[in-house]
Amino acid sequence: MVEQFWPQKIEQKFYDALFKNRKNLKLLDLSQNRLYSIEENAFKFLNELKVLNLNLNPNLNVSNKTFIGLNKISTIYFSRNS
């Protein structure tokens, strides 16, 4: 079974501690969570992640180090984040 994670509404900064026990996660859907910031290295534990959905998070800010650790990522959805 492919591990997937759809957290309930998150309206704050996004921290790496949420993923320490989800190392085999393949799909992560964070769309429509009103995220405003994802810290650097937030995904460092998700070495197996293939799909990340960040759509529809108005005012979302990420840095060039946010996606460190996503070695197997194939798709990142990042639209309607104005």
PDB file of N, CA and C in Angstrom:
ATOM      1  N   MET A   1       0.834  -1.174   0.000  1.00  0.00           N
ATOM      2  CA  MET A   1       0.000   0.000   0.000  1.00  0.00           C
ATOM      3  C   MET A   1       0.888   1.250   0.000  1.00  0.00           C
ATOM      4  N   VAL A   2       0.568   2.188  -0.838  1.00  0.00           N
ATOM      5  CA  VAL A   2       1.302   3.447  -0.922  1.00  0.00           C
ATOM      6  C   VAL A   2       0.866   4.335   0.234  1.00  0.00           C
ATOM      7  N   GLU A   3       1.833   4.805   1.003  1.00  0.00           N
ATOM      8  CA  GLU A   3       1.491   5.682   2.120  1.00  0.00           C
ATOM      9  C   GLU A   3       1.192   7.076   1.604  1.00  0.00           C
ATOM     10  N   GLN A   4       0.049   7.611   2.035  1.00  0.00           N
ATOM     11  CA  GLN A   4      -0.389   8.940   1.644  1.00  0.00           C
ATOM     12  C   GLN A   4      -0.775   9.703   2.901  1.00  0.00           C
ATOM     13  N   PHE A   5      -0.695  11.011   2.839  1.00  0.00           N
ATOM     14  CA  PHE A   5      -0.986  11.836   4.010  1.00  0.00           C
ATOM     15  C   PHE A   5      -1.725  13.086   3.576  1.00  0.00           C
ATOM     16  N   TRP A   6      -2.930  13.266   4.119  1.00  0.00           N
ATOM     17  CA  TRP A   6      -3.732  14.453   3.881  1.00  0.00           C
ATOM     18  C   TRP A   6      -4.050  15.073   5.237  1.00  0.00           C
ATOM     19  N   PRO A   7      -3.196  15.949   5.735  1.00  0.00           N
ATOM     20  CA  PRO A   7      -3.482  16.550   7.041  1.00  0.00           C
ATOM     21  C   PRO A   7      -4.694  17.460   6.977  1.00  0.00           C
ATOM     22  N   GLN A   8      -5.351  17.603   8.112  1.00  0.00           N
ATOM     23  CA  GLN A   8      -6.465  18.538   8.194  1.00  0.00           C
ATOM     24  C   GLN A   8      -5.925  19.950   8.049  1.00  0.00           C
ATOM     25  N   LYS A   9      -6.778  20.903   8.022  1.00  0.00           N
ATOM     26  CA  LYS A   9      -6.387  22.291   7.791  1.00  0.00           C
ATOM     27  C   LYS A   9      -5.259  22.714   8.732  1.00  0.00           C
ATOM     28  N   ILE A  10      -4.194  23.220   8.141  1.00  0.00           N
ATOM     29  CA  ILE A  10      -3.044  23.723   8.881  1.00  0.00           C
ATOM     30  C   ILE A  10      -2.952  25.205   8.569  1.00  0.00           C
ATOM     31  N   GLU A  11      -3.035  26.035   9.569  1.00  0.00           N
ATOM     32  CA  GLU A  11      -3.030  27.485   9.336  1.00  0.00           C
ATOM     33  C   GLU A  11      -1.862  28.128  10.069  1.00  0.00           C
ATOM     34  N   GLN A  12      -0.664  27.652   9.781  1.00  0.00           N
ATOM     35  CA  GLN A  12       0.507  28.154  10.463  1.00  0.00           C
ATOM     36  C   GLN A  12       1.758  27.817   9.669  1.00  0.00           C
ATOM     37  N   LYS A  13       2.888  28.023  10.299  1.00  0.00           N
ATOM     38  CA  LYS A  13       4.130  27.607   9.661  1.00  0.00           C
ATOM     39  C   LYS A  13       4.175  26.094   9.622  1.00  0.00           C
ATOM     40  N   PHE A  14       4.921  25.575   8.685  1.00  0.00           N
ATOM     41  CA  PHE A  14       5.001  24.142   8.485  1.00  0.00           C
ATOM     42  C   PHE A  14       6.374  23.657   8.918  1.00  0.00           C
ATOM     43  N   TYR A  15       6.430  22.691   9.817  1.00  0.00           N
ATOM     44  CA  TYR A  15       7.681  22.239  10.409  1.00  0.00           C
ATOM     45  C   TYR A  15       8.011  20.801  10.048  1.00  0.00           C
ATOM     46  N   ASP A  16       9.305  20.486   9.990  1.00  0.00           N
ATOM     47  CA  ASP A  16       9.753  19.145   9.638  1.00  0.00           C
ATOM     48  C   ASP A  16       9.340  18.087  10.653  1.00  0.00           C
ATOM     49  N   ALA A  17       9.101  18.439  11.896  1.00  0.00           N
ATOM     50  CA  ALA A  17       8.748  17.472  12.936  1.00  0.00           C
ATOM     51  C   ALA A  17       7.478  16.692  12.600  1.00  0.00           C
ATOM     52  N   LEU A  18       6.634  17.229  11.733  1.00  0.00           N
ATOM     53  CA  LEU A  18       5.413  16.523  11.344  1.00  0.00           C
ATOM     54  C   LEU A  18       5.700  15.229  10.587  1.00  0.00           C
ATOM     55  N   PHE A  19       6.903  15.071  10.064  1.00  0.00           N
ATOM     56  CA  PHE A  19       7.192  13.952   9.169  1.00  0.00           C
ATOM     57  C   PHE A  19       8.221  12.958   9.677  1.00  0.00           C
ATOM     58  N   LYS A  20       8.692  13.099  10.886  1.00  0.00           N
ATOM     59  CA  LYS A  20       9.740  12.202  11.379  1.00  0.00           C
ATOM     60  C   LYS A  20       9.329  10.737  11.328  1.00  0.00           C
ATOM     61  N   ASN A  21       8.059  10.439  11.494  1.00  0.00           N
ATOM     62  CA  ASN A  21       7.581   9.049  11.490  1.00  0.00           C
ATOM     63  C   ASN A  21       6.898   8.656  10.185  1.00  0.00           C
ATOM     64  N   ARG A  22       7.108   9.423   9.141  1.00  0.00           N
ATOM     65  CA  ARG A  22       6.470   9.145   7.845  1.00  0.00           C
ATOM     66  C   ARG A  22       7.510   9.057   6.729  1.00  0.00           C
ATOM     67  N   LYS A  23       8.582   8.372   6.987  1.00  0.00           N
ATOM     68  CA  LYS A  23       9.701   8.318   6.048  1.00  0.00           C
ATOM     69  C   LYS A  23       9.375   7.624   4.734  1.00  0.00           C
ATOM     70  N   ASN A  24       8.344   6.774   4.701  1.00  0.00           N
ATOM     71  CA  ASN A  24       7.977   6.058   3.478  1.00  0.00           C
ATOM     72  C   ASN A  24       6.838   6.712   2.716  1.00  0.00           C
ATOM     73  N   LEU A  25       6.500   7.920   3.097  1.00  0.00           N
ATOM     74  CA  LEU A  25       5.415   8.648   2.456  1.00  0.00           C
ATOM     75  C   LEU A  25       5.700   8.849   0.966  1.00  0.00           C
ATOM     76  N   LYS A  26       4.705   8.592   0.122  1.00  0.00           N
ATOM     77  CA  LYS A  26       4.853   8.741  -1.336  1.00  0.00           C
ATOM     78  C   LYS A  26       4.111   9.961  -1.871  1.00  0.00           C
ATOM     79  N   LEU A  27       2.964  10.289  -1.273  1.00  0.00           N
ATOM     80  CA  LEU A  27       2.136  11.402  -1.724  1.00  0.00           C
ATOM     81  C   LEU A  27       1.769  12.254  -0.520  1.00  0.00           C
ATOM     82  N   LEU A  28       1.969  13.565  -0.649  1.00  0.00           N
ATOM     83  CA  LEU A  28       1.626  14.495   0.426  1.00  0.00           C
ATOM     84  C   LEU A  28       0.792  15.623  -0.166  1.00  0.00           C
ATOM     85  N   ASP A  29      -0.449  15.744   0.310  1.00  0.00           N
ATOM     86  CA  ASP A  29      -1.357  16.768  -0.185  1.00  0.00           C
ATOM     87  C   ASP A  29      -1.544  17.834   0.896  1.00  0.00           C
ATOM     88  N   LEU A  30      -0.937  18.990   0.692  1.00  0.00           N
ATOM     89  CA  LEU A  30      -1.044  20.125   1.609  1.00  0.00           C
ATOM     90  C   LEU A  30      -1.858  21.257   0.987  1.00  0.00           C
ATOM     91  N   SER A  31      -2.635  20.944  -0.025  1.00  0.00           N
ATOM     92  CA  SER A  31      -3.418  21.971  -0.708  1.00  0.00           C
ATOM     93  C   SER A  31      -4.501  22.528   0.210  1.00  0.00           C
ATOM     94  N   GLN A  32      -4.840  23.781  -0.008  1.00  0.00           N
ATOM     95  CA  GLN A  32      -5.922  24.477   0.689  1.00  0.00           C
ATOM     96  C   GLN A  32      -5.757  24.461   2.207  1.00  0.00           C
ATOM     97  N   ASN A  33      -4.546  24.700   2.682  1.00  0.00           N
ATOM     98  CA  ASN A  33      -4.291  24.690   4.122  1.00  0.00           C
ATOM     99  C   ASN A  33      -3.940  26.049   4.687  1.00  0.00           C
ATOM    100  N   ARG A  34      -3.993  27.086   3.897  1.00  0.00           N
ATOM    101  CA  ARG A  34      -3.658  28.432   4.347  1.00  0.00           C
ATOM    102  C   ARG A  34      -2.252  28.511   4.940  1.00  0.00           C
ATOM    103  N   LEU A  35      -1.359  27.716   4.395  1.00  0.00           N
ATOM    104  CA  LEU A  35       0.033  27.787   4.825  1.00  0.00           C
ATOM    105  C   LEU A  35       0.608  29.121   4.384  1.00  0.00           C
ATOM    106  N   TYR A  36       1.389  29.737   5.214  1.00  0.00           N
ATOM    107  CA  TYR A  36       2.047  30.976   4.810  1.00  0.00           C
ATOM    108  C   TYR A  36       3.554  30.817   4.760  1.00  0.00           C
ATOM    109  N   SER A  37       4.072  29.759   5.370  1.00  0.00           N
ATOM    110  CA  SER A  37       5.514  29.555   5.364  1.00  0.00           C
ATOM    111  C   SER A  37       5.832  28.077   5.543  1.00  0.00           C
ATOM    112  N   ILE A  38       6.807  27.610   4.800  1.00  0.00           N
ATOM    113  CA  ILE A  38       7.343  26.269   4.998  1.00  0.00           C
ATOM    114  C   ILE A  38       8.823  26.459   5.268  1.00  0.00           C
ATOM    115  N   GLU A  39       9.279  26.012   6.422  1.00  0.00           N
ATOM    116  CA  GLU A  39      10.655  26.262   6.816  1.00  0.00           C
ATOM    117  C   GLU A  39      11.646  25.501   5.944  1.00  0.00           C
ATOM    118  N   GLU A  40      12.873  25.956   5.953  1.00  0.00           N
ATOM    119  CA  GLU A  40      13.940  25.273   5.225  1.00  0.00           C
ATOM    120  C   GLU A  40      14.090  23.858   5.772  1.00  0.00           C
ATOM    121  N   ASN A  41      14.367  22.926   4.893  1.00  0.00           N
ATOM    122  CA  ASN A  41      14.560  21.514   5.246  1.00  0.00           C
ATOM    123  C   ASN A  41      13.304  20.846   5.809  1.00  0.00           C
ATOM    124  N   ALA A  42      12.136  21.420   5.591  1.00  0.00           N
ATOM    125  CA  ALA A  42      10.904  20.871   6.162  1.00  0.00           C
ATOM    126  C   ALA A  42      10.619  19.451   5.686  1.00  0.00           C
ATOM    127  N   PHE A  43      11.113  19.091   4.527  1.00  0.00           N
ATOM    128  CA  PHE A  43      10.822  17.777   3.963  1.00  0.00           C
ATOM    129  C   PHE A  43      12.023  16.830   4.035  1.00  0.00           C
ATOM    130  N   LYS A  44      12.995  17.128   4.866  1.00  0.00           N
ATOM    131  CA  LYS A  44      14.249  16.367   4.887  1.00  0.00           C
ATOM    132  C   LYS A  44      14.070  14.898   5.252  1.00  0.00           C
ATOM    133  N   PHE A  45      12.989  14.542   5.912  1.00  0.00           N
ATOM    134  CA  PHE A  45      12.748  13.146   6.277  1.00  0.00           C
ATOM    135  C   PHE A  45      11.979  12.380   5.206  1.00  0.00           C
ATOM    136  N   LEU A  46      11.537  13.050   4.165  1.00  0.00           N
ATOM    137  CA  LEU A  46      10.668  12.431   3.159  1.00  0.00           C
ATOM    138  C   LEU A  46      11.440  12.013   1.909  1.00  0.00           C
ATOM    139  N   ASN A  47      12.421  11.180   2.085  1.00  0.00           N
ATOM    140  CA  ASN A  47      13.272  10.748   0.975  1.00  0.00           C
ATOM    141  C   ASN A  47      12.544   9.937  -0.090  1.00  0.00           C
ATOM    142  N   GLU A  48      11.396   9.362   0.239  1.00  0.00           N
ATOM    143  CA  GLU A  48      10.648   8.536  -0.704  1.00  0.00           C
ATOM    144  C   GLU A  48       9.490   9.270  -1.376  1.00  0.00           C
ATOM    145  N   LEU A  49       9.263  10.526  -1.006  1.00  0.00           N
ATOM    146  CA  LEU A  49       8.118  11.274  -1.535  1.00  0.00           C
ATOM    147  C   LEU A  49       8.236  11.465  -3.037  1.00  0.00           C
ATOM    148  N   LYS A  50       7.125  11.203  -3.748  1.00  0.00           N
ATOM    149  CA  LYS A  50       7.093  11.352  -5.207  1.00  0.00           C
ATOM    150  C   LYS A  50       6.202  12.509  -5.648  1.00  0.00           C
ATOM    151  N   VAL A  51       5.118  12.783  -4.906  1.00  0.00           N
ATOM    152  CA  VAL A  51       4.167  13.832  -5.293  1.00  0.00           C
ATOM    153  C   VAL A  51       3.897  14.732  -4.091  1.00  0.00           C
ATOM    154  N   LEU A  52       4.028  16.040  -4.325  1.00  0.00           N
ATOM    155  CA  LEU A  52       3.759  17.046  -3.294  1.00  0.00           C
ATOM    156  C   LEU A  52       2.793  18.063  -3.872  1.00  0.00           C
ATOM    157  N   ASN A  53       1.646  18.239  -3.209  1.00  0.00           N
ATOM    158  CA  ASN A  53       0.644  19.192  -3.678  1.00  0.00           C
ATOM    159  C   ASN A  53       0.581  20.371  -2.706  1.00  0.00           C
ATOM    160  N   LEU A  54       0.973  21.548  -3.180  1.00  0.00           N
ATOM    161  CA  LEU A  54       0.935  22.780  -2.397  1.00  0.00           C
ATOM    162  C   LEU A  54      -0.047  23.800  -2.978  1.00  0.00           C
ATOM    163  N   ASN A  55      -0.916  23.373  -3.867  1.00  0.00           N
ATOM    164  CA  ASN A  55      -1.871  24.275  -4.511  1.00  0.00           C
ATOM    165  C   ASN A  55      -2.769  24.983  -3.497  1.00  0.00           C
ATOM    166  N   LEU A  56      -3.217  26.159  -3.886  1.00  0.00           N
ATOM    167  CA  LEU A  56      -4.237  26.911  -3.156  1.00  0.00           C
ATOM    168  C   LEU A  56      -3.857  27.227  -1.710  1.00  0.00           C
ATOM    169  N   ASN A  57      -2.649  27.706  -1.522  1.00  0.00           N
ATOM    170  CA  ASN A  57      -2.201  28.224  -0.230  1.00  0.00           C
ATOM    171  C   ASN A  57      -1.806  29.679  -0.438  1.00  0.00           C
ATOM    172  N   PRO A  58      -2.774  30.589  -0.367  1.00  0.00           N
ATOM    173  CA  PRO A  58      -2.488  32.001  -0.619  1.00  0.00           C
ATOM    174  C   PRO A  58      -1.368  32.511   0.286  1.00  0.00           C
ATOM    175  N   ASN A  59      -0.490  33.296  -0.294  1.00  0.00           N
ATOM    176  CA  ASN A  59       0.617  33.925   0.430  1.00  0.00           C
ATOM    177  C   ASN A  59       1.681  32.943   0.920  1.00  0.00           C
ATOM    178  N   LEU A  60       1.769  31.789   0.311  1.00  0.00           N
ATOM    179  CA  LEU A  60       2.773  30.804   0.714  1.00  0.00           C
ATOM    180  C   LEU A  60       4.165  31.250   0.291  1.00  0.00           C
ATOM    181  N   ASN A  61       5.095  31.224   1.238  1.00  0.00           N
ATOM    182  CA  ASN A  61       6.489  31.563   0.978  1.00  0.00           C
ATOM    183  C   ASN A  61       7.359  30.338   1.201  1.00  0.00           C
ATOM    184  N   VAL A  62       8.236  30.077   0.245  1.00  0.00           N
ATOM    185  CA  VAL A  62       9.204  29.000   0.381  1.00  0.00           C
ATOM    186  C   VAL A  62      10.571  29.544  -0.006  1.00  0.00           C
ATOM    187  N   SER A  63      11.610  28.906   0.493  1.00  0.00           N
ATOM    188  CA  SER A  63      12.961  29.323   0.128  1.00  0.00           C
ATOM    189  C   SER A  63      13.567  28.282  -0.806  1.00  0.00           C
ATOM    190  N   ASN A  64      14.760  28.554  -1.287  1.00  0.00           N
ATOM    191  CA  ASN A  64      15.414  27.594  -2.165  1.00  0.00           C
ATOM    192  C   ASN A  64      15.860  26.346  -1.409  1.00  0.00           C
ATOM    193  N   LYS A  65      15.817  26.362  -0.085  1.00  0.00           N
ATOM    194  CA  LYS A  65      16.195  25.197   0.715  1.00  0.00           C
ATOM    195  C   LYS A  65      14.985  24.425   1.250  1.00  0.00           C
ATOM    196  N   THR A  66      13.797  24.867   0.936  1.00  0.00           N
ATOM    197  CA  THR A  66      12.589  24.204   1.432  1.00  0.00           C
ATOM    198  C   THR A  66      12.506  22.757   0.966  1.00  0.00           C
ATOM    199  N   PHE A  67      12.929  22.477  -0.249  1.00  0.00           N
ATOM    200  CA  PHE A  67      12.716  21.165  -0.843  1.00  0.00           C
ATOM    201  C   PHE A  67      13.912  20.220  -0.712  1.00  0.00           C
ATOM    202  N   ILE A  68      14.868  20.571   0.121  1.00  0.00           N
ATOM    203  CA  ILE A  68      16.018  19.694   0.347  1.00  0.00           C
ATOM    204  C   ILE A  68      15.528  18.373   0.934  1.00  0.00           C
ATOM    205  N   GLY A  69      16.038  17.279   0.414  1.00  0.00           N
ATOM    206  CA  GLY A  69      15.671  15.954   0.901  1.00  0.00           C
ATOM    207  C   GLY A  69      14.673  15.230   0.021  1.00  0.00           C
ATOM    208  N   LEU A  70      14.054  15.937  -0.906  1.00  0.00           N
ATOM    209  CA  LEU A  70      13.075  15.303  -1.796  1.00  0.00           C
ATOM    210  C   LEU A  70      13.800  14.684  -2.985  1.00  0.00           C
ATOM    211  N   ASN A  71      14.547  13.641  -2.715  1.00  0.00           N
ATOM    212  CA  ASN A  71      15.408  13.022  -3.721  1.00  0.00           C
ATOM    213  C   ASN A  71      14.653  12.275  -4.813  1.00  0.00           C
ATOM    214  N   LYS A  72      13.451  11.791  -4.511  1.00  0.00           N
ATOM    215  CA  LYS A  72      12.686  11.004  -5.487  1.00  0.00           C
ATOM    216  C   LYS A  72      11.447  11.733  -5.991  1.00  0.00           C
ATOM    217  N   ILE A  73      11.364  13.019  -5.716  1.00  0.00           N
ATOM    218  CA  ILE A  73      10.177  13.781  -6.119  1.00  0.00           C
ATOM    219  C   ILE A  73      10.046  13.798  -7.639  1.00  0.00           C
ATOM    220  N   SER A  74       8.848  13.581  -8.132  1.00  0.00           N
ATOM    221  CA  SER A  74       8.618  13.652  -9.573  1.00  0.00           C
ATOM    222  C   SER A  74       7.676  14.805  -9.921  1.00  0.00           C
ATOM    223  N   THR A  75       6.778  15.179  -8.983  1.00  0.00           N
ATOM    224  CA  THR A  75       5.807  16.226  -9.265  1.00  0.00           C
ATOM    225  C   THR A  75       5.584  17.096  -8.028  1.00  0.00           C
ATOM    226  N   ILE A  76       5.653  18.418  -8.245  1.00  0.00           N
ATOM    227  CA  ILE A  76       5.266  19.374  -7.210  1.00  0.00           C
ATOM    228  C   ILE A  76       4.202  20.278  -7.821  1.00  0.00           C
ATOM    229  N   TYR A  77       3.018  20.268  -7.222  1.00  0.00           N
ATOM    230  CA  TYR A  77       1.935  21.144  -7.656  1.00  0.00           C
ATOM    231  C   TYR A  77       2.014  22.413  -6.830  1.00  0.00           C
ATOM    232  N   PHE A  78       2.130  23.555  -7.511  1.00  0.00           N
ATOM    233  CA  PHE A  78       2.317  24.830  -6.817  1.00  0.00           C
ATOM    234  C   PHE A  78       1.612  25.929  -7.609  1.00  0.00           C
ATOM    235  N   SER A  79       0.294  25.863  -7.660  1.00  0.00           N
ATOM    236  CA  SER A  79      -0.444  26.880  -8.402  1.00  0.00           C
ATOM    237  C   SER A  79      -1.473  27.552  -7.517  1.00  0.00           C
ATOM    238  N   ARG A  80      -1.905  28.712  -7.980  1.00  0.00           N
ATOM    239  CA  ARG A  80      -2.884  29.541  -7.258  1.00  0.00           C
ATOM    240  C   ARG A  80      -2.404  29.869  -5.846  1.00  0.00           C
ATOM    241  N   ASN A  81      -1.125  30.182  -5.739  1.00  0.00           N
ATOM    242  CA  ASN A  81      -0.504  30.605  -4.482  1.00  0.00           C
ATOM    243  C   ASN A  81      -0.011  32.027  -4.655  1.00  0.00           C
ATOM    244  N   SER A  82      -0.925  32.954  -4.783  1.00  0.00           N
ATOM    245  CA  SER A  82      -0.510  34.329  -5.046  1.00  0.00           C
ATOM    246  C   SER A  82      -0.338  35.118  -3.779  1.00  0.00           C
TER     247      SER A  82
END
